[in-house]
Amino acid sequence: MALRKAWKDLDRSTVGSAPDAYGLVEYGDGEGNLLGADAGFLPDLLREELAYGDAEKVRWERAQSKDHAERLLDER
């Protein structure tokens, strides 16, 4: 199930606003269509997608730990 959060443009300011925490990230295209998801350390995931990925939009849910983030990904 997709996160019920608003999409944010994937740019440097969005990456800079991500908390230093683990979480679940969903990636979207320019129209907000879901492209995929990943779990891990939020700033690292967003920096990698900004540099190498195709996503134009992102949204995330913060997790309490790496294991929690991975469970959120599995439950989607």
PDB file of N, CA and C in Angstrom:
ATOM      1  N   MET A   1       0.845  -1.175   0.000  1.00  0.00           N
ATOM      2  CA  MET A   1       0.000   0.000   0.000  1.00  0.00           C
ATOM      3  C   MET A   1       0.890   1.238   0.000  1.00  0.00           C
ATOM      4  N   ALA A   2       0.581   2.180  -0.844  1.00  0.00           N
ATOM      5  CA  ALA A   2       1.372   3.404  -0.967  1.00  0.00           C
ATOM      6  C   ALA A   2       1.212   4.288   0.270  1.00  0.00           C
ATOM      7  N   LEU A   3       2.246   5.059   0.543  1.00  0.00           N
ATOM      8  CA  LEU A   3       2.188   6.011   1.649  1.00  0.00           C
ATOM      9  C   LEU A   3       1.130   7.070   1.382  1.00  0.00           C
ATOM     10  N   ARG A   4       0.494   7.536   2.413  1.00  0.00           N
ATOM     11  CA  ARG A   4      -0.518   8.587   2.275  1.00  0.00           C
ATOM     12  C   ARG A   4       0.105   9.927   2.617  1.00  0.00           C
ATOM     13  N   LYS A   5       1.149  10.267   1.895  1.00  0.00           N
ATOM     14  CA  LYS A   5       1.852  11.523   2.108  1.00  0.00           C
ATOM     15  C   LYS A   5       1.972  12.226   0.771  1.00  0.00           C
ATOM     16  N   ALA A   6       2.116  13.525   0.833  1.00  0.00           N
ATOM     17  CA  ALA A   6       2.261  14.312  -0.393  1.00  0.00           C
ATOM     18  C   ALA A   6       3.637  14.076  -1.008  1.00  0.00           C
ATOM     19  N   TRP A   7       3.687  14.087  -2.330  1.00  0.00           N
ATOM     20  CA  TRP A   7       4.950  13.978  -3.034  1.00  0.00           C
ATOM     21  C   TRP A   7       5.739  15.273  -2.849  1.00  0.00           C
ATOM     22  N   LYS A   8       7.060  15.139  -2.816  1.00  0.00           N
ATOM     23  CA  LYS A   8       7.970  16.284  -2.799  1.00  0.00           C
ATOM     24  C   LYS A   8       8.855  16.163  -4.030  1.00  0.00           C
ATOM     25  N   ASP A   9       9.210  17.312  -4.621  1.00  0.00           N
ATOM     26  CA  ASP A   9      10.147  17.287  -5.733  1.00  0.00           C
ATOM     27  C   ASP A   9      11.486  16.766  -5.235  1.00  0.00           C
ATOM     28  N   LEU A  10      12.103  15.891  -6.005  1.00  0.00           N
ATOM     29  CA  LEU A  10      13.411  15.367  -5.635  1.00  0.00           C
ATOM     30  C   LEU A  10      14.466  16.353  -6.119  1.00  0.00           C
ATOM     31  N   ASP A  11      14.964  17.160  -5.199  1.00  0.00           N
ATOM     32  CA  ASP A  11      16.019  18.123  -5.491  1.00  0.00           C
ATOM     33  C   ASP A  11      16.909  18.254  -4.259  1.00  0.00           C
ATOM     34  N   ARG A  12      17.927  19.098  -4.351  1.00  0.00           N
ATOM     35  CA  ARG A  12      18.879  19.231  -3.251  1.00  0.00           C
ATOM     36  C   ARG A  12      18.223  19.676  -1.955  1.00  0.00           C
ATOM     37  N   SER A  13      17.254  20.577  -2.049  1.00  0.00           N
ATOM     38  CA  SER A  13      16.613  21.057  -0.822  1.00  0.00           C
ATOM     39  C   SER A  13      15.809  19.951  -0.144  1.00  0.00           C
ATOM     40  N   THR A  14      15.180  19.100  -0.926  1.00  0.00           N
ATOM     41  CA  THR A  14      14.434  17.980  -0.349  1.00  0.00           C
ATOM     42  C   THR A  14      15.390  17.000   0.322  1.00  0.00           C
ATOM     43  N   VAL A  15      16.493  16.705  -0.346  1.00  0.00           N
ATOM     44  CA  VAL A  15      17.494  15.810   0.245  1.00  0.00           C
ATOM     45  C   VAL A  15      18.003  16.413   1.550  1.00  0.00           C
ATOM     46  N   GLY A  16      18.260  17.720   1.556  1.00  0.00           N
ATOM     47  CA  GLY A  16      18.754  18.388   2.752  1.00  0.00           C
ATOM     48  C   GLY A  16      17.747  18.434   3.886  1.00  0.00           C
ATOM     49  N   SER A  17      16.464  18.327   3.556  1.00  0.00           N
ATOM     50  CA  SER A  17      15.426  18.391   4.589  1.00  0.00           C
ATOM     51  C   SER A  17      15.102  17.024   5.195  1.00  0.00           C
ATOM     52  N   ALA A  18      15.667  15.975   4.642  1.00  0.00           N
ATOM     53  CA  ALA A  18      15.391  14.621   5.156  1.00  0.00           C
ATOM     54  C   ALA A  18      16.035  14.452   6.533  1.00  0.00           C
ATOM     55  N   PRO A  19      15.332  13.829   7.451  1.00  0.00           N
ATOM     56  CA  PRO A  19      15.914  13.611   8.785  1.00  0.00           C
ATOM     57  C   PRO A  19      17.038  12.576   8.727  1.00  0.00           C
ATOM     58  N   ASP A  20      17.967  12.695   9.645  1.00  0.00           N
ATOM     59  CA  ASP A  20      19.036  11.699   9.771  1.00  0.00           C
ATOM     60  C   ASP A  20      18.454  10.481  10.486  1.00  0.00           C
ATOM     61  N   ALA A  21      17.718   9.697   9.730  1.00  0.00           N
ATOM     62  CA  ALA A  21      17.006   8.556  10.308  1.00  0.00           C
ATOM     63  C   ALA A  21      16.770   7.519   9.220  1.00  0.00           C
ATOM     64  N   TYR A  22      16.438   6.313   9.660  1.00  0.00           N
ATOM     65  CA  TYR A  22      16.033   5.271   8.734  1.00  0.00           C
ATOM     66  C   TYR A  22      14.575   5.476   8.361  1.00  0.00           C
ATOM     67  N   GLY A  23      14.202   4.942   7.207  1.00  0.00           N
ATOM     68  CA  GLY A  23      12.820   5.058   6.801  1.00  0.00           C
ATOM     69  C   GLY A  23      12.535   4.328   5.508  1.00  0.00           C
ATOM     70  N   LEU A  24      11.302   4.464   5.081  1.00  0.00           N
ATOM     71  CA  LEU A  24      10.813   3.924   3.820  1.00  0.00           C
ATOM     72  C   LEU A  24      10.657   5.091   2.861  1.00  0.00           C
ATOM     73  N   VAL A  25      11.198   4.962   1.660  1.00  0.00           N
ATOM     74  CA  VAL A  25      11.087   6.005   0.641  1.00  0.00           C
ATOM     75  C   VAL A  25      10.336   5.439  -0.550  1.00  0.00           C
ATOM     76  N   GLU A  26       9.400   6.216  -1.065  1.00  0.00           N
ATOM     77  CA  GLU A  26       8.739   5.891  -2.328  1.00  0.00           C
ATOM     78  C   GLU A  26       9.189   6.902  -3.371  1.00  0.00           C
ATOM     79  N   TYR A  27       9.444   6.403  -4.567  1.00  0.00           N
ATOM     80  CA  TYR A  27       9.906   7.223  -5.676  1.00  0.00           C
ATOM     81  C   TYR A  27       8.801   7.340  -6.710  1.00  0.00           C
ATOM     82  N   GLY A  28       8.651   8.543  -7.270  1.00  0.00           N
ATOM     83  CA  GLY A  28       7.618   8.766  -8.268  1.00  0.00           C
ATOM     84  C   GLY A  28       8.131   9.524  -9.478  1.00  0.00           C
ATOM     85  N   ASP A  29       7.374   9.448 -10.559  1.00  0.00           N
ATOM     86  CA  ASP A  29       7.714  10.221 -11.751  1.00  0.00           C
ATOM     87  C   ASP A  29       7.146  11.635 -11.616  1.00  0.00           C
ATOM     88  N   GLY A  30       7.285  12.435 -12.640  1.00  0.00           N
ATOM     89  CA  GLY A  30       6.833  13.816 -12.602  1.00  0.00           C
ATOM     90  C   GLY A  30       5.347  13.990 -12.383  1.00  0.00           C
ATOM     91  N   GLU A  31       4.569  12.956 -12.685  1.00  0.00           N
ATOM     92  CA  GLU A  31       3.120  13.016 -12.512  1.00  0.00           C
ATOM     93  C   GLU A  31       2.661  12.388 -11.202  1.00  0.00           C
ATOM     94  N   GLY A  32       3.611  11.899 -10.406  1.00  0.00           N
ATOM     95  CA  GLY A  32       3.259  11.290  -9.131  1.00  0.00           C
ATOM     96  C   GLY A  32       2.888   9.828  -9.213  1.00  0.00           C
ATOM     97  N   ASN A  33       3.244   9.173 -10.311  1.00  0.00           N
ATOM     98  CA  ASN A  33       3.027   7.735 -10.430  1.00  0.00           C
ATOM     99  C   ASN A  33       4.159   7.013  -9.714  1.00  0.00           C
ATOM    100  N   LEU A  34       3.825   6.029  -8.913  1.00  0.00           N
ATOM    101  CA  LEU A  34       4.802   5.295  -8.128  1.00  0.00           C
ATOM    102  C   LEU A  34       5.741   4.491  -9.026  1.00  0.00           C
ATOM    103  N   LEU A  35       7.047   4.714  -8.846  1.00  0.00           N
ATOM    104  CA  LEU A  35       8.056   3.982  -9.614  1.00  0.00           C
ATOM    105  C   LEU A  35       8.680   2.851  -8.811  1.00  0.00           C
ATOM    106  N   GLY A  36       8.762   3.019  -7.503  1.00  0.00           N
ATOM    107  CA  GLY A  36       9.383   2.003  -6.668  1.00  0.00           C
ATOM    108  C   GLY A  36       9.545   2.493  -5.249  1.00  0.00           C
ATOM    109  N   ALA A  37      10.153   1.660  -4.427  1.00  0.00           N
ATOM    110  CA  ALA A  37      10.339   1.992  -3.014  1.00  0.00           C
ATOM    111  C   ALA A  37      11.618   1.345  -2.519  1.00  0.00           C
ATOM    112  N   ASP A  38      12.147   1.895  -1.429  1.00  0.00           N
ATOM    113  CA  ASP A  38      13.353   1.351  -0.825  1.00  0.00           C
ATOM    114  C   ASP A  38      13.349   1.691   0.656  1.00  0.00           C
ATOM    115  N   ALA A  39      14.109   0.941   1.420  1.00  0.00           N
ATOM    116  CA  ALA A  39      14.227   1.184   2.856  1.00  0.00           C
ATOM    117  C   ALA A  39      15.698   1.340   3.190  1.00  0.00           C
ATOM    118  N   GLY A  40      15.973   2.239   4.122  1.00  0.00           N
ATOM    119  CA  GLY A  40      17.346   2.463   4.538  1.00  0.00           C
ATOM    120  C   GLY A  40      17.497   3.807   5.208  1.00  0.00           C
ATOM    121  N   PHE A  41      18.727   4.333   5.209  1.00  0.00           N
ATOM    122  CA  PHE A  41      19.019   5.625   5.809  1.00  0.00           C
ATOM    123  C   PHE A  41      18.560   6.706   4.836  1.00  0.00           C
ATOM    124  N   LEU A  42      17.588   7.497   5.241  1.00  0.00           N
ATOM    125  CA  LEU A  42      16.902   8.420   4.330  1.00  0.00           C
ATOM    126  C   LEU A  42      17.837   9.331   3.535  1.00  0.00           C
ATOM    127  N   PRO A  43      18.764  10.060   4.165  1.00  0.00           N
ATOM    128  CA  PRO A  43      19.618  10.944   3.363  1.00  0.00           C
ATOM    129  C   PRO A  43      20.421  10.197   2.291  1.00  0.00           C
ATOM    130  N   ASP A  44      20.910   9.015   2.632  1.00  0.00           N
ATOM    131  CA  ASP A  44      21.683   8.238   1.658  1.00  0.00           C
ATOM    132  C   ASP A  44      20.821   7.788   0.488  1.00  0.00           C
ATOM    133  N   LEU A  45      19.621   7.297   0.778  1.00  0.00           N
ATOM    134  CA  LEU A  45      18.719   6.858  -0.290  1.00  0.00           C
ATOM    135  C   LEU A  45      18.371   8.009  -1.226  1.00  0.00           C
ATOM    136  N   LEU A  46      18.072   9.173  -0.656  1.00  0.00           N
ATOM    137  CA  LEU A  46      17.673  10.312  -1.469  1.00  0.00           C
ATOM    138  C   LEU A  46      18.837  10.854  -2.294  1.00  0.00           C
ATOM    139  N   ARG A  47      20.043  10.922  -1.696  1.00  0.00           N
ATOM    140  CA  ARG A  47      21.214  11.391  -2.451  1.00  0.00           C
ATOM    141  C   ARG A  47      21.513  10.460  -3.624  1.00  0.00           C
ATOM    142  N   GLU A  48      21.427   9.164  -3.376  1.00  0.00           N
ATOM    143  CA  GLU A  48      21.703   8.205  -4.443  1.00  0.00           C
ATOM    144  C   GLU A  48      20.679   8.323  -5.567  1.00  0.00           C
ATOM    145  N   GLU A  49      19.408   8.463  -5.218  1.00  0.00           N
ATOM    146  CA  GLU A  49      18.371   8.593  -6.247  1.00  0.00           C
ATOM    147  C   GLU A  49      18.536   9.893  -7.022  1.00  0.00           C
ATOM    148  N   LEU A  50      18.867  10.967  -6.339  1.00  0.00           N
ATOM    149  CA  LEU A  50      19.070  12.250  -7.012  1.00  0.00           C
ATOM    150  C   LEU A  50      20.227  12.151  -8.006  1.00  0.00           C
ATOM    151  N   ALA A  51      21.292  11.481  -7.616  1.00  0.00           N
ATOM    152  CA  ALA A  51      22.476  11.385  -8.467  1.00  0.00           C
ATOM    153  C   ALA A  51      22.327  10.385  -9.612  1.00  0.00           C
ATOM    154  N   TYR A  52      21.689   9.252  -9.340  1.00  0.00           N
ATOM    155  CA  TYR A  52      21.719   8.155 -10.317  1.00  0.00           C
ATOM    156  C   TYR A  52      20.358   7.648 -10.775  1.00  0.00           C
ATOM    157  N   GLY A  53      19.283   8.045 -10.114  1.00  0.00           N
ATOM    158  CA  GLY A  53      17.973   7.476 -10.403  1.00  0.00           C
ATOM    159  C   GLY A  53      17.167   8.270 -11.408  1.00  0.00           C
ATOM    160  N   ASP A  54      15.968   7.774 -11.659  1.00  0.00           N
ATOM    161  CA  ASP A  54      15.045   8.391 -12.619  1.00  0.00           C
ATOM    162  C   ASP A  54      13.886   9.116 -11.953  1.00  0.00           C
ATOM    163  N   ALA A  55      13.766   9.001 -10.644  1.00  0.00           N
ATOM    164  CA  ALA A  55      12.623   9.596  -9.943  1.00  0.00           C
ATOM    165  C   ALA A  55      12.693  11.117  -9.976  1.00  0.00           C
ATOM    166  N   GLU A  56      11.517  11.729 -10.032  1.00  0.00           N
ATOM    167  CA  GLU A  56      11.398  13.181  -9.957  1.00  0.00           C
ATOM    168  C   GLU A  56      10.714  13.612  -8.660  1.00  0.00           C
ATOM    169  N   LYS A  57      10.022  12.677  -8.025  1.00  0.00           N
ATOM    170  CA  LYS A  57       9.276  12.956  -6.796  1.00  0.00           C
ATOM    171  C   LYS A  57       9.612  11.883  -5.758  1.00  0.00           C
ATOM    172  N   VAL A  58       9.513  12.275  -4.493  1.00  0.00           N
ATOM    173  CA  VAL A  58       9.737  11.330  -3.394  1.00  0.00           C
ATOM    174  C   VAL A  58       8.782  11.634  -2.253  1.00  0.00           C
ATOM    175  N   ARG A  59       8.575  10.636  -1.428  1.00  0.00           N
ATOM    176  CA  ARG A  59       7.893  10.797  -0.146  1.00  0.00           C
ATOM    177  C   ARG A  59       8.449   9.706   0.755  1.00  0.00           C
ATOM    178  N   TRP A  60       8.422   9.967   2.053  1.00  0.00           N
ATOM    179  CA  TRP A  60       9.007   8.993   2.969  1.00  0.00           C
ATOM    180  C   TRP A  60       8.259   8.934   4.272  1.00  0.00           C
ATOM    181  N   GLU A  61       8.501   7.823   4.960  1.00  0.00           N
ATOM    182  CA  GLU A  61       8.000   7.624   6.314  1.00  0.00           C
ATOM    183  C   GLU A  61       9.195   7.252   7.178  1.00  0.00           C
ATOM    184  N   ARG A  62       9.370   7.974   8.238  1.00  0.00           N
ATOM    185  CA  ARG A  62      10.479   7.739   9.150  1.00  0.00           C
ATOM    186  C   ARG A  62      10.244   6.436   9.926  1.00  0.00           C
ATOM    187  N   ALA A  63      11.330   5.723  10.196  1.00  0.00           N
ATOM    188  CA  ALA A  63      11.262   4.472  10.955  1.00  0.00           C
ATOM    189  C   ALA A  63      12.128   4.591  12.206  1.00  0.00           C
ATOM    190  N   GLN A  64      11.924   3.689  13.127  1.00  0.00           N
ATOM    191  CA  GLN A  64      12.669   3.709  14.386  1.00  0.00           C
ATOM    192  C   GLN A  64      14.040   3.062  14.262  1.00  0.00           C
ATOM    193  N   SER A  65      14.231   2.212  13.256  1.00  0.00           N
ATOM    194  CA  SER A  65      15.493   1.507  13.069  1.00  0.00           C
ATOM    195  C   SER A  65      15.550   0.982  11.637  1.00  0.00           C
ATOM    196  N   LYS A  66      16.707   0.427  11.279  1.00  0.00           N
ATOM    197  CA  LYS A  66      16.844  -0.174   9.956  1.00  0.00           C
ATOM    198  C   LYS A  66      15.876  -1.350   9.804  1.00  0.00           C
ATOM    199  N   ASP A  67      15.769  -2.179  10.840  1.00  0.00           N
ATOM    200  CA  ASP A  67      14.836  -3.313  10.793  1.00  0.00           C
ATOM    201  C   ASP A  67      13.396  -2.844  10.620  1.00  0.00           C
ATOM    202  N   HIS A  68      13.027  -1.793  11.324  1.00  0.00           N
ATOM    203  CA  HIS A  68      11.674  -1.250  11.206  1.00  0.00           C
ATOM    204  C   HIS A  68      11.426  -0.752   9.782  1.00  0.00           C
ATOM    205  N   ALA A  69      12.408  -0.065   9.203  1.00  0.00           N
ATOM    206  CA  ALA A  69      12.272   0.427   7.826  1.00  0.00           C
ATOM    207  C   ALA A  69      12.069  -0.739   6.860  1.00  0.00           C
ATOM    208  N   GLU A  70      12.818  -1.801   7.048  1.00  0.00           N
ATOM    209  CA  GLU A  70      12.677  -2.964   6.172  1.00  0.00           C
ATOM    210  C   GLU A  70      11.322  -3.644   6.346  1.00  0.00           C
ATOM    211  N   ARG A  71      10.807  -3.663   7.572  1.00  0.00           N
ATOM    212  CA  ARG A  71       9.456  -4.214   7.792  1.00  0.00           C
ATOM    213  C   ARG A  71       8.403  -3.363   7.090  1.00  0.00           C
ATOM    214  N   LEU A  72       8.555  -2.029   7.146  1.00  0.00           N
ATOM    215  CA  LEU A  72       7.621  -1.151   6.442  1.00  0.00           C
ATOM    216  C   LEU A  72       7.636  -1.436   4.943  1.00  0.00           C
ATOM    217  N   LEU A  73       8.804  -1.675   4.407  1.00  0.00           N
ATOM    218  CA  LEU A  73       8.922  -1.991   2.977  1.00  0.00           C
ATOM    219  C   LEU A  73       8.237  -3.330   2.673  1.00  0.00           C
ATOM    220  N   ASP A  74       8.457  -4.314   3.518  1.00  0.00           N
ATOM    221  CA  ASP A  74       7.833  -5.633   3.315  1.00  0.00           C
ATOM    222  C   ASP A  74       6.304  -5.587   3.420  1.00  0.00           C
ATOM    223  N   GLU A  75       5.803  -4.672   4.242  1.00  0.00           N
ATOM    224  CA  GLU A  75       4.349  -4.577   4.470  1.00  0.00           C
ATOM    225  C   GLU A  75       3.618  -3.805   3.384  1.00  0.00           C
ATOM    226  N   ARG A  76       4.319  -3.177   2.491  1.00  0.00           N
ATOM    227  CA  ARG A  76       3.670  -2.378   1.445  1.00  0.00           C
ATOM    228  C   ARG A  76       2.886  -3.263   0.515  1.00  0.00           C
TER     229      ARG A  76
END
